[in-house]
């Protein structure tokens, strides 16, 4: 009674945010482990500041947004074109 467990639930895939955090932590762990092993080869990584990383993430996010926005606009235009064509057939 004291250690009663709840019913088992079906395992589902992790959400995107969890997958991204796990990937980030894996890369961070690899870098932390590799720093002592790389020695002088890791010197360029030491010059990176958190602001550099934040700007890189922001830039990549902006680029991804622009690409997805253009793709969305093209899809919308194609959908409108298809709707007009189907309306003319009727």
C-alpha atoms as a PDB file:
ATOM      1  CA  UNK A   1       0.000   0.000   0.000  1.00  0.00           C
ATOM      2  CA  UNK A   2       2.742   2.391   0.913  1.00  0.00           C
ATOM      3  CA  UNK A   3       4.581   2.008  -2.397  1.00  0.00           C
ATOM      4  CA  UNK A   4       1.597   1.812  -4.691  1.00  0.00           C
ATOM      5  CA  UNK A   5       2.399   2.816  -8.239  1.00  0.00           C
ATOM      6  CA  UNK A   6       0.066   4.402 -10.682  1.00  0.00           C
ATOM      7  CA  UNK A   7      -1.031   2.527 -13.755  1.00  0.00           C
ATOM      8  CA  UNK A   8       1.560   2.367 -16.499  1.00  0.00           C
ATOM      9  CA  UNK A   9       0.979   4.770 -19.325  1.00  0.00           C
ATOM     10  CA  UNK A  10       2.040   4.273 -22.877  1.00  0.00           C
ATOM     11  CA  UNK A  11       5.397   5.792 -23.669  1.00  0.00           C
ATOM     12  CA  UNK A  12       5.272   8.539 -26.269  1.00  0.00           C
ATOM     13  CA  UNK A  13       7.946  10.363 -28.191  1.00  0.00           C
ATOM     14  CA  UNK A  14       9.463  13.368 -26.413  1.00  0.00           C
ATOM     15  CA  UNK A  15       8.235  16.800 -27.362  1.00  0.00           C
ATOM     16  CA  UNK A  16      10.348  19.012 -29.619  1.00  0.00           C
ATOM     17  CA  UNK A  17      11.451  21.245 -26.771  1.00  0.00           C
ATOM     18  CA  UNK A  18      12.687  18.232 -24.791  1.00  0.00           C
ATOM     19  CA  UNK A  19      14.504  16.864 -27.834  1.00  0.00           C
ATOM     20  CA  UNK A  20      16.216  20.218 -28.397  1.00  0.00           C
ATOM     21  CA  UNK A  21      17.262  20.475 -24.757  1.00  0.00           C
ATOM     22  CA  UNK A  22      18.660  16.947 -24.832  1.00  0.00           C
ATOM     23  CA  UNK A  23      20.615  17.729 -28.007  1.00  0.00           C
ATOM     24  CA  UNK A  24      21.968  20.933 -26.461  1.00  0.00           C
ATOM     25  CA  UNK A  25      23.024  19.138 -23.290  1.00  0.00           C
ATOM     26  CA  UNK A  26      24.680  16.363 -25.301  1.00  0.00           C
ATOM     27  CA  UNK A  27      26.705  18.874 -27.337  1.00  0.00           C
ATOM     28  CA  UNK A  28      27.619  20.807 -24.188  1.00  0.00           C
ATOM     29  CA  UNK A  29      28.745  17.601 -22.463  1.00  0.00           C
ATOM     30  CA  UNK A  30      30.880  16.603 -25.447  1.00  0.00           C
ATOM     31  CA  UNK A  31      32.508  20.043 -25.498  1.00  0.00           C
ATOM     32  CA  UNK A  32      33.181  19.977 -21.768  1.00  0.00           C
ATOM     33  CA  UNK A  33      34.737  16.529 -22.001  1.00  0.00           C
ATOM     34  CA  UNK A  34      36.722  17.400 -25.147  1.00  0.00           C
ATOM     35  CA  UNK A  35      38.236  20.675 -23.880  1.00  0.00           C
ATOM     36  CA  UNK A  36      40.979  19.067 -21.768  1.00  0.00           C
ATOM     37  CA  UNK A  37      41.679  16.495 -24.468  1.00  0.00           C
ATOM     38  CA  UNK A  38      41.989  19.021 -27.308  1.00  0.00           C
ATOM     39  CA  UNK A  39      44.388  21.350 -25.521  1.00  0.00           C
ATOM     40  CA  UNK A  40      45.535  24.162 -27.851  1.00  0.00           C
ATOM     41  CA  UNK A  41      43.176  23.073 -30.627  1.00  0.00           C
ATOM     42  CA  UNK A  42      40.278  24.250 -28.454  1.00  0.00           C
ATOM     43  CA  UNK A  43      41.703  27.789 -28.079  1.00  0.00           C
ATOM     44  CA  UNK A  44      39.298  29.330 -30.660  1.00  0.00           C
ATOM     45  CA  UNK A  45      36.341  27.986 -28.665  1.00  0.00           C
ATOM     46  CA  UNK A  46      37.605  29.789 -25.578  1.00  0.00           C
ATOM     47  CA  UNK A  47      37.272  33.133 -27.374  1.00  0.00           C
ATOM     48  CA  UNK A  48      33.538  32.684 -27.896  1.00  0.00           C
ATOM     49  CA  UNK A  49      31.401  34.717 -25.554  1.00  0.00           C
ATOM     50  CA  UNK A  50      27.812  34.010 -24.573  1.00  0.00           C
ATOM     51  CA  UNK A  51      26.831  37.051 -26.649  1.00  0.00           C
ATOM     52  CA  UNK A  52      28.399  35.480 -29.760  1.00  0.00           C
ATOM     53  CA  UNK A  53      26.412  32.322 -29.209  1.00  0.00           C
ATOM     54  CA  UNK A  54      23.202  34.281 -28.555  1.00  0.00           C
ATOM     55  CA  UNK A  55      23.696  36.301 -31.732  1.00  0.00           C
ATOM     56  CA  UNK A  56      24.341  33.136 -33.738  1.00  0.00           C
ATOM     57  CA  UNK A  57      21.168  31.516 -32.390  1.00  0.00           C
ATOM     58  CA  UNK A  58      19.175  34.686 -33.104  1.00  0.00           C
ATOM     59  CA  UNK A  59      20.589  34.913 -36.623  1.00  0.00           C
ATOM     60  CA  UNK A  60      19.800  31.279 -37.367  1.00  0.00           C
ATOM     61  CA  UNK A  61      16.298  31.718 -35.985  1.00  0.00           C
ATOM     62  CA  UNK A  62      15.732  34.796 -38.133  1.00  0.00           C
ATOM     63  CA  UNK A  63      17.003  32.980 -41.216  1.00  0.00           C
ATOM     64  CA  UNK A  64      14.726  30.001 -40.492  1.00  0.00           C
ATOM     65  CA  UNK A  65      11.778  32.358 -39.993  1.00  0.00           C
ATOM     66  CA  UNK A  66      12.394  34.089 -43.320  1.00  0.00           C
ATOM     67  CA  UNK A  67      12.680  30.771 -45.170  1.00  0.00           C
ATOM     68  CA  UNK A  68       9.516  29.405 -43.579  1.00  0.00           C
ATOM     69  CA  UNK A  69       7.642  32.666 -44.211  1.00  0.00           C
ATOM     70  CA  UNK A  70       8.559  32.586 -47.906  1.00  0.00           C
ATOM     71  CA  UNK A  71       7.503  28.927 -48.139  1.00  0.00           C
ATOM     72  CA  UNK A  72       4.200  29.751 -46.415  1.00  0.00           C
ATOM     73  CA  UNK A  73       3.535  32.642 -48.818  1.00  0.00           C
ATOM     74  CA  UNK A  74       4.207  30.361 -51.797  1.00  0.00           C
ATOM     75  CA  UNK A  75       1.852  27.714 -50.397  1.00  0.00           C
ATOM     76  CA  UNK A  76      -0.848  30.321 -49.817  1.00  0.00           C
ATOM     77  CA  UNK A  77      -0.474  31.669 -53.350  1.00  0.00           C
ATOM     78  CA  UNK A  78      -0.657  28.152 -54.789  1.00  0.00           C
ATOM     79  CA  UNK A  79      -3.728  27.378 -52.686  1.00  0.00           C
ATOM     80  CA  UNK A  80      -5.450  30.570 -53.853  1.00  0.00           C
ATOM     81  CA  UNK A  81      -4.583  29.697 -57.443  1.00  0.00           C
ATOM     82  CA  UNK A  82      -6.049  26.195 -56.999  1.00  0.00           C
ATOM     83  CA  UNK A  83      -9.207  27.617 -55.388  1.00  0.00           C
ATOM     84  CA  UNK A  84      -9.705  30.035 -58.282  1.00  0.00           C
ATOM     85  CA  UNK A  85      -9.162  27.239 -60.821  1.00  0.00           C
ATOM     86  CA  UNK A  86     -11.645  24.945 -59.066  1.00  0.00           C
ATOM     87  CA  UNK A  87     -14.203  27.753 -58.815  1.00  0.00           C
ATOM     88  CA  UNK A  88     -13.939  28.379 -62.565  1.00  0.00           C
ATOM     89  CA  UNK A  89     -14.598  24.697 -63.286  1.00  0.00           C
ATOM     90  CA  UNK A  90     -17.840  24.787 -61.334  1.00  0.00           C
END
